[in-house]
N, C-alpha and C. Protein backbone atom coordinates (compact mmCIF):
# COMPACT_ATOMS: atom_id res chain seq x y z
N MET A 1 -16.10 -33.22 60.63
CA MET A 1 -16.99 -33.45 59.51
C MET A 1 -18.44 -33.35 60.00
N TYR A 2 -19.27 -32.74 59.20
CA TYR A 2 -20.69 -32.59 59.51
C TYR A 2 -21.44 -33.80 58.98
N ASN A 3 -22.16 -34.46 59.86
CA ASN A 3 -22.96 -35.61 59.46
C ASN A 3 -24.44 -35.29 59.62
N ASP A 4 -25.22 -35.72 58.65
CA ASP A 4 -26.66 -35.63 58.74
C ASP A 4 -27.21 -37.00 59.10
N TYR A 5 -28.39 -37.00 59.64
CA TYR A 5 -29.07 -38.24 60.03
C TYR A 5 -30.47 -38.20 59.46
N LYS A 6 -30.92 -39.35 58.94
CA LYS A 6 -32.27 -39.38 58.38
C LYS A 6 -32.98 -40.67 58.75
N CYS A 7 -34.29 -40.59 58.67
CA CYS A 7 -35.16 -41.72 58.96
C CYS A 7 -35.00 -42.77 57.86
N PRO A 8 -34.90 -44.06 58.20
CA PRO A 8 -34.78 -45.10 57.19
C PRO A 8 -36.07 -45.30 56.38
N LYS A 9 -37.19 -44.80 56.86
CA LYS A 9 -38.45 -44.98 56.13
C LYS A 9 -38.77 -43.78 55.24
N CYS A 10 -38.91 -42.58 55.83
CA CYS A 10 -39.33 -41.41 55.04
C CYS A 10 -38.14 -40.60 54.51
N HIS A 11 -36.94 -40.90 54.98
CA HIS A 11 -35.71 -40.20 54.63
C HIS A 11 -35.73 -38.73 55.03
N GLY A 12 -36.62 -38.38 55.97
CA GLY A 12 -36.65 -37.03 56.51
C GLY A 12 -35.41 -36.75 57.34
N GLN A 13 -34.96 -35.51 57.30
CA GLN A 13 -33.77 -35.11 58.04
C GLN A 13 -34.08 -35.02 59.53
N LEU A 14 -33.26 -35.66 60.36
CA LEU A 14 -33.47 -35.70 61.80
C LEU A 14 -32.56 -34.73 62.55
N ARG A 15 -31.57 -34.19 61.85
CA ARG A 15 -30.63 -33.28 62.52
C ARG A 15 -31.06 -31.84 62.28
N LEU A 16 -31.05 -31.09 63.37
CA LEU A 16 -31.30 -29.66 63.31
C LEU A 16 -30.27 -29.00 64.21
N GLY A 17 -29.40 -28.21 63.63
CA GLY A 17 -28.33 -27.58 64.40
C GLY A 17 -27.42 -28.63 65.00
N ASP A 18 -27.24 -28.57 66.30
CA ASP A 18 -26.33 -29.49 67.00
C ASP A 18 -27.06 -30.65 67.64
N ASN A 19 -28.23 -31.02 67.12
CA ASN A 19 -29.02 -32.09 67.74
C ASN A 19 -29.64 -33.01 66.70
N ILE A 20 -29.79 -34.27 67.10
CA ILE A 20 -30.64 -35.21 66.39
C ILE A 20 -31.95 -35.20 67.17
N ILE A 21 -33.05 -34.92 66.51
CA ILE A 21 -34.34 -34.79 67.18
C ILE A 21 -35.16 -36.05 66.94
N LEU A 22 -35.57 -36.68 68.04
CA LEU A 22 -36.37 -37.90 67.97
C LEU A 22 -37.55 -37.80 68.93
N SER A 23 -38.61 -38.51 68.60
CA SER A 23 -39.71 -38.72 69.55
C SER A 23 -39.38 -39.98 70.34
N ALA A 24 -39.86 -40.03 71.57
CA ALA A 24 -39.59 -41.20 72.41
C ALA A 24 -40.87 -41.62 73.12
N ILE A 25 -41.05 -42.94 73.23
CA ILE A 25 -42.14 -43.51 74.01
C ILE A 25 -41.52 -44.42 75.05
N ARG A 26 -41.89 -44.20 76.30
CA ARG A 26 -41.37 -45.03 77.38
C ARG A 26 -42.30 -46.21 77.61
N ASP A 27 -41.85 -47.16 78.41
CA ASP A 27 -42.65 -48.35 78.72
C ASP A 27 -44.00 -48.00 79.33
N ASP A 28 -44.06 -46.89 80.07
CA ASP A 28 -45.33 -46.49 80.68
C ASP A 28 -46.23 -45.72 79.69
N LYS A 29 -45.84 -45.71 78.43
CA LYS A 29 -46.56 -45.07 77.32
C LYS A 29 -46.47 -43.55 77.32
N SER A 30 -45.71 -42.94 78.24
CA SER A 30 -45.52 -41.50 78.19
C SER A 30 -44.62 -41.16 77.01
N ARG A 31 -44.81 -39.98 76.47
CA ARG A 31 -44.09 -39.56 75.27
C ARG A 31 -43.24 -38.33 75.56
N ALA A 32 -42.17 -38.19 74.78
CA ALA A 32 -41.28 -37.05 74.96
C ALA A 32 -40.54 -36.78 73.65
N ILE A 33 -39.99 -35.59 73.56
CA ILE A 33 -39.03 -35.25 72.50
C ILE A 33 -37.66 -35.34 73.16
N ILE A 34 -36.71 -35.95 72.46
CA ILE A 34 -35.36 -36.07 72.99
C ILE A 34 -34.38 -35.56 71.95
N LEU A 35 -33.38 -34.84 72.40
CA LEU A 35 -32.34 -34.29 71.54
C LEU A 35 -31.05 -35.04 71.84
N LEU A 36 -30.52 -35.72 70.83
CA LEU A 36 -29.28 -36.49 70.99
C LEU A 36 -28.13 -35.75 70.34
N HIS A 37 -26.95 -35.92 70.89
CA HIS A 37 -25.75 -35.32 70.31
C HIS A 37 -25.39 -36.08 69.03
N PRO A 38 -25.05 -35.37 67.94
CA PRO A 38 -24.78 -36.05 66.67
C PRO A 38 -23.42 -36.74 66.56
N GLU A 39 -22.51 -36.47 67.50
CA GLU A 39 -21.19 -37.10 67.46
C GLU A 39 -21.30 -38.54 67.97
N LEU A 40 -20.85 -39.50 67.14
CA LEU A 40 -20.89 -40.90 67.54
C LEU A 40 -20.03 -41.09 68.79
N GLY A 41 -20.60 -41.75 69.79
CA GLY A 41 -19.88 -41.99 71.03
C GLY A 41 -20.13 -40.93 72.09
N ASN A 42 -20.82 -39.84 71.74
CA ASN A 42 -21.20 -38.83 72.72
C ASN A 42 -22.64 -39.14 73.13
N TYR A 43 -22.84 -39.46 74.39
CA TYR A 43 -24.15 -39.93 74.85
C TYR A 43 -24.93 -38.87 75.62
N SER A 44 -24.59 -37.61 75.39
CA SER A 44 -25.37 -36.56 76.05
C SER A 44 -26.72 -36.42 75.34
N ALA A 45 -27.73 -36.09 76.12
CA ALA A 45 -29.09 -35.95 75.59
C ALA A 45 -29.81 -34.86 76.37
N ASP A 46 -30.71 -34.18 75.70
CA ASP A 46 -31.54 -33.16 76.35
C ASP A 46 -32.99 -33.54 76.18
N TYR A 47 -33.77 -33.29 77.21
CA TYR A 47 -35.21 -33.53 77.17
C TYR A 47 -35.84 -32.70 78.28
N HIS A 48 -37.14 -32.57 78.24
CA HIS A 48 -37.85 -31.76 79.22
C HIS A 48 -37.60 -32.29 80.63
N PRO A 49 -37.42 -31.39 81.60
CA PRO A 49 -37.13 -31.84 82.97
C PRO A 49 -38.23 -32.70 83.59
N ALA A 50 -39.46 -32.59 83.11
CA ALA A 50 -40.54 -33.42 83.65
C ALA A 50 -40.42 -34.87 83.19
N THR A 51 -39.64 -35.10 82.15
CA THR A 51 -39.42 -36.46 81.65
C THR A 51 -38.33 -37.10 82.49
N LYS A 52 -38.62 -38.25 83.05
CA LYS A 52 -37.65 -38.95 83.89
C LYS A 52 -37.23 -40.24 83.20
N PHE A 53 -35.93 -40.37 82.95
CA PHE A 53 -35.39 -41.62 82.42
C PHE A 53 -34.52 -42.23 83.50
N GLU A 54 -34.90 -43.39 83.96
CA GLU A 54 -34.11 -44.12 84.94
C GLU A 54 -33.18 -45.08 84.20
N GLU A 55 -31.98 -45.29 84.74
CA GLU A 55 -31.05 -46.21 84.12
C GLU A 55 -31.71 -47.58 83.95
N GLY A 56 -31.60 -48.12 82.75
CA GLY A 56 -32.20 -49.41 82.44
C GLY A 56 -33.57 -49.32 81.78
N ASP A 57 -34.21 -48.13 81.83
CA ASP A 57 -35.50 -47.96 81.16
C ASP A 57 -35.33 -48.14 79.65
N ARG A 58 -36.24 -48.87 79.04
CA ARG A 58 -36.23 -49.03 77.58
C ARG A 58 -37.13 -47.97 76.99
N VAL A 59 -36.61 -47.28 75.99
CA VAL A 59 -37.32 -46.21 75.30
C VAL A 59 -37.41 -46.58 73.83
N ILE A 60 -38.56 -46.39 73.24
CA ILE A 60 -38.71 -46.61 71.79
C ILE A 60 -38.56 -45.27 71.10
N PHE A 61 -37.61 -45.18 70.17
CA PHE A 61 -37.43 -43.95 69.42
C PHE A 61 -38.24 -44.00 68.14
N LEU A 62 -38.84 -42.86 67.81
CA LEU A 62 -39.65 -42.72 66.60
C LEU A 62 -39.14 -41.53 65.79
N CYS A 63 -39.35 -41.61 64.49
CA CYS A 63 -39.09 -40.46 63.62
C CYS A 63 -40.10 -39.37 63.98
N PRO A 64 -39.66 -38.14 64.23
CA PRO A 64 -40.60 -37.08 64.57
C PRO A 64 -41.39 -36.59 63.36
N ILE A 65 -41.02 -37.04 62.17
CA ILE A 65 -41.69 -36.59 60.95
C ILE A 65 -42.80 -37.57 60.55
N CYS A 66 -42.45 -38.85 60.38
CA CYS A 66 -43.44 -39.84 59.92
C CYS A 66 -43.90 -40.78 61.03
N HIS A 67 -43.28 -40.67 62.22
CA HIS A 67 -43.61 -41.47 63.41
C HIS A 67 -43.27 -42.95 63.24
N HIS A 68 -42.40 -43.27 62.31
CA HIS A 68 -41.92 -44.65 62.12
C HIS A 68 -41.14 -45.08 63.35
N ASP A 69 -41.42 -46.28 63.84
CA ASP A 69 -40.68 -46.89 64.94
C ASP A 69 -39.27 -47.20 64.44
N LEU A 70 -38.26 -46.60 65.04
CA LEU A 70 -36.88 -46.78 64.60
C LEU A 70 -36.21 -48.01 65.19
N SER A 71 -36.97 -48.84 65.93
CA SER A 71 -36.41 -50.06 66.49
C SER A 71 -35.83 -50.93 65.38
N SER A 72 -34.66 -51.46 65.64
CA SER A 72 -33.96 -52.29 64.66
C SER A 72 -34.52 -53.71 64.65
N THR A 73 -34.42 -54.36 63.51
CA THR A 73 -34.76 -55.78 63.42
C THR A 73 -33.62 -56.65 63.95
N LYS A 74 -32.46 -56.05 64.19
CA LYS A 74 -31.30 -56.80 64.72
C LYS A 74 -31.49 -57.16 66.19
N HIS A 75 -32.02 -56.21 66.98
CA HIS A 75 -32.24 -56.43 68.41
C HIS A 75 -33.22 -55.38 68.90
N LYS A 76 -34.16 -55.78 69.77
CA LYS A 76 -35.20 -54.86 70.23
C LYS A 76 -34.64 -53.69 71.04
N ASN A 77 -33.43 -53.82 71.58
CA ASN A 77 -32.85 -52.72 72.35
C ASN A 77 -32.11 -51.70 71.50
N LEU A 78 -32.06 -51.92 70.20
CA LEU A 78 -31.35 -51.01 69.31
C LEU A 78 -32.31 -50.28 68.38
N ALA A 79 -32.02 -49.01 68.13
CA ALA A 79 -32.72 -48.23 67.11
C ALA A 79 -31.75 -48.06 65.94
N MET A 80 -32.28 -47.70 64.77
CA MET A 80 -31.43 -47.52 63.60
C MET A 80 -31.85 -46.29 62.82
N VAL A 81 -30.86 -45.46 62.45
CA VAL A 81 -31.05 -44.33 61.55
C VAL A 81 -29.95 -44.40 60.50
N ILE A 82 -30.07 -43.59 59.48
CA ILE A 82 -29.06 -43.52 58.42
C ILE A 82 -28.24 -42.25 58.61
N MET A 83 -26.92 -42.39 58.54
CA MET A 83 -26.02 -41.24 58.64
C MET A 83 -25.41 -40.97 57.27
N THR A 84 -25.40 -39.72 56.86
CA THR A 84 -24.73 -39.32 55.62
C THR A 84 -23.71 -38.25 55.99
N GLY A 85 -22.65 -38.22 55.25
CA GLY A 85 -21.61 -37.22 55.51
C GLY A 85 -20.84 -37.00 54.23
N GLU A 86 -19.93 -37.92 53.96
CA GLU A 86 -19.18 -37.85 52.72
C GLU A 86 -20.12 -38.08 51.55
N PRO A 87 -19.95 -37.35 50.46
CA PRO A 87 -20.84 -37.53 49.30
C PRO A 87 -20.90 -38.98 48.85
N GLY A 88 -22.12 -39.49 48.69
CA GLY A 88 -22.33 -40.84 48.19
C GLY A 88 -22.17 -41.94 49.21
N LYS A 89 -21.90 -41.60 50.48
CA LYS A 89 -21.73 -42.63 51.50
C LYS A 89 -22.85 -42.53 52.52
N GLU A 90 -23.46 -43.67 52.80
CA GLU A 90 -24.48 -43.77 53.84
C GLU A 90 -24.11 -44.90 54.77
N TYR A 91 -24.30 -44.66 56.05
CA TYR A 91 -23.99 -45.65 57.07
C TYR A 91 -25.25 -45.95 57.86
N ASP A 92 -25.43 -47.20 58.24
CA ASP A 92 -26.48 -47.57 59.17
C ASP A 92 -25.92 -47.36 60.57
N ILE A 93 -26.63 -46.57 61.37
CA ILE A 93 -26.21 -46.29 62.73
C ILE A 93 -27.20 -46.95 63.68
N TYR A 94 -26.72 -47.89 64.47
CA TYR A 94 -27.52 -48.59 65.47
C TYR A 94 -27.12 -48.05 66.83
N PHE A 95 -28.09 -47.71 67.65
CA PHE A 95 -27.79 -47.16 68.97
C PHE A 95 -28.80 -47.67 69.98
N SER A 96 -28.36 -47.72 71.22
CA SER A 96 -29.16 -48.32 72.27
C SER A 96 -30.40 -47.49 72.60
N GLN A 97 -31.49 -48.20 72.88
CA GLN A 97 -32.73 -47.60 73.34
C GLN A 97 -32.91 -47.82 74.84
N VAL A 98 -31.84 -48.21 75.53
CA VAL A 98 -31.88 -48.46 76.96
C VAL A 98 -31.15 -47.31 77.66
N ALA A 99 -31.84 -46.61 78.54
CA ALA A 99 -31.25 -45.48 79.25
C ALA A 99 -30.02 -45.92 80.02
N GLY A 100 -28.94 -45.17 79.86
CA GLY A 100 -27.69 -45.47 80.55
C GLY A 100 -26.78 -46.43 79.82
N GLU A 101 -27.25 -47.03 78.75
CA GLU A 101 -26.42 -47.98 78.00
C GLU A 101 -25.72 -47.23 76.87
N HIS A 102 -24.41 -47.32 76.82
CA HIS A 102 -23.61 -46.62 75.82
C HIS A 102 -23.21 -47.59 74.72
N SER A 103 -23.99 -47.59 73.67
CA SER A 103 -23.75 -48.51 72.57
C SER A 103 -24.16 -47.87 71.25
N THR A 104 -23.19 -47.75 70.34
CA THR A 104 -23.44 -47.26 68.99
C THR A 104 -22.62 -48.12 68.03
N ILE A 105 -23.25 -48.56 66.96
CA ILE A 105 -22.59 -49.37 65.95
C ILE A 105 -22.79 -48.70 64.60
N LYS A 106 -21.70 -48.41 63.92
CA LYS A 106 -21.72 -47.77 62.61
C LYS A 106 -21.37 -48.83 61.57
N MET A 107 -22.26 -49.03 60.60
CA MET A 107 -22.03 -50.08 59.59
C MET A 107 -22.22 -49.55 58.18
N MET A 108 -21.37 -50.07 57.30
CA MET A 108 -21.54 -49.89 55.86
C MET A 108 -20.98 -51.16 55.24
N GLY A 109 -21.88 -52.00 54.74
CA GLY A 109 -21.45 -53.30 54.22
C GLY A 109 -20.82 -54.12 55.33
N GLU A 110 -19.59 -54.58 55.10
CA GLU A 110 -18.87 -55.37 56.11
C GLU A 110 -18.06 -54.51 57.07
N HIS A 111 -17.98 -53.20 56.80
CA HIS A 111 -17.20 -52.30 57.66
C HIS A 111 -18.02 -51.95 58.89
N VAL A 112 -17.42 -52.16 60.08
CA VAL A 112 -18.11 -51.92 61.35
C VAL A 112 -17.21 -51.10 62.27
N GLU A 113 -17.79 -50.10 62.90
CA GLU A 113 -17.10 -49.33 63.94
C GLU A 113 -17.97 -49.34 65.19
N LEU A 114 -17.34 -49.56 66.34
CA LEU A 114 -18.06 -49.60 67.61
C LEU A 114 -17.74 -48.36 68.44
N TYR A 115 -18.74 -47.86 69.12
CA TYR A 115 -18.59 -46.74 70.04
C TYR A 115 -19.33 -47.10 71.32
N GLY A 116 -18.78 -46.74 72.45
CA GLY A 116 -19.45 -46.98 73.72
C GLY A 116 -19.04 -48.29 74.36
N THR A 117 -19.15 -48.33 75.68
CA THR A 117 -18.67 -49.46 76.46
C THR A 117 -19.57 -50.70 76.37
N HIS A 118 -20.79 -50.56 75.86
CA HIS A 118 -21.71 -51.70 75.82
C HIS A 118 -21.94 -52.26 74.40
N SER A 119 -21.23 -51.77 73.42
CA SER A 119 -21.50 -52.15 72.02
C SER A 119 -21.21 -53.62 71.72
N GLU A 120 -20.16 -54.15 72.29
CA GLU A 120 -19.76 -55.53 71.96
C GLU A 120 -20.83 -56.55 72.28
N LYS A 121 -21.70 -56.26 73.25
CA LYS A 121 -22.73 -57.23 73.61
C LYS A 121 -23.75 -57.46 72.50
N TYR A 122 -23.78 -56.58 71.49
CA TYR A 122 -24.72 -56.72 70.38
C TYR A 122 -24.09 -57.29 69.11
N LEU A 123 -22.80 -57.51 69.10
CA LEU A 123 -22.13 -57.97 67.88
C LEU A 123 -22.68 -59.29 67.36
N ASP A 124 -23.05 -60.21 68.23
CA ASP A 124 -23.58 -61.50 67.77
C ASP A 124 -24.85 -61.34 66.93
N PHE A 125 -25.58 -60.26 67.14
CA PHE A 125 -26.82 -60.03 66.39
C PHE A 125 -26.54 -59.48 65.00
N PHE A 126 -25.28 -59.17 64.72
CA PHE A 126 -24.85 -58.70 63.41
C PHE A 126 -24.03 -59.77 62.70
N ASN A 127 -24.06 -61.00 63.22
CA ASN A 127 -23.31 -62.13 62.66
C ASN A 127 -21.82 -61.85 62.62
N MET A 128 -21.33 -61.16 63.64
CA MET A 128 -19.90 -60.85 63.74
C MET A 128 -19.50 -61.04 65.19
N SER A 129 -18.29 -61.47 65.42
CA SER A 129 -17.82 -61.59 66.79
C SER A 129 -16.71 -60.60 67.10
N GLN A 130 -16.24 -59.91 66.07
CA GLN A 130 -15.22 -58.90 66.30
C GLN A 130 -15.33 -57.79 65.26
N MET A 131 -14.68 -56.68 65.56
CA MET A 131 -14.70 -55.55 64.64
C MET A 131 -13.91 -55.87 63.38
N HIS A 132 -14.39 -55.35 62.27
CA HIS A 132 -13.64 -55.46 60.99
C HIS A 132 -12.95 -54.16 60.72
């Protein structure tokens, strides 16, 4: 199934071809464009070779259209975008902003799906202790 991703603020489309395109700001204030794989649970990413991400580095993701900070109010280490696929269905997608951390949470109402080995550590911030 083909899923689109959009900014929660401007609703601009973030997917182009086989990539989700985001702006990134590192702790040292350097900026980059990062291309994320659109498949939930696939943590491959492309970025310019001059950009160095060390495991554990926190990166702030921004919408490349309106420059809205995509950081979630649930936890500072998570970003949030909206995923659409099936007609009339939208999901909140939370994903880690920490390099090397594999965490994606897909939510729609009370329905939750976890992807990645680090996702469970964030469940308490969603007022849940287990998957529904």
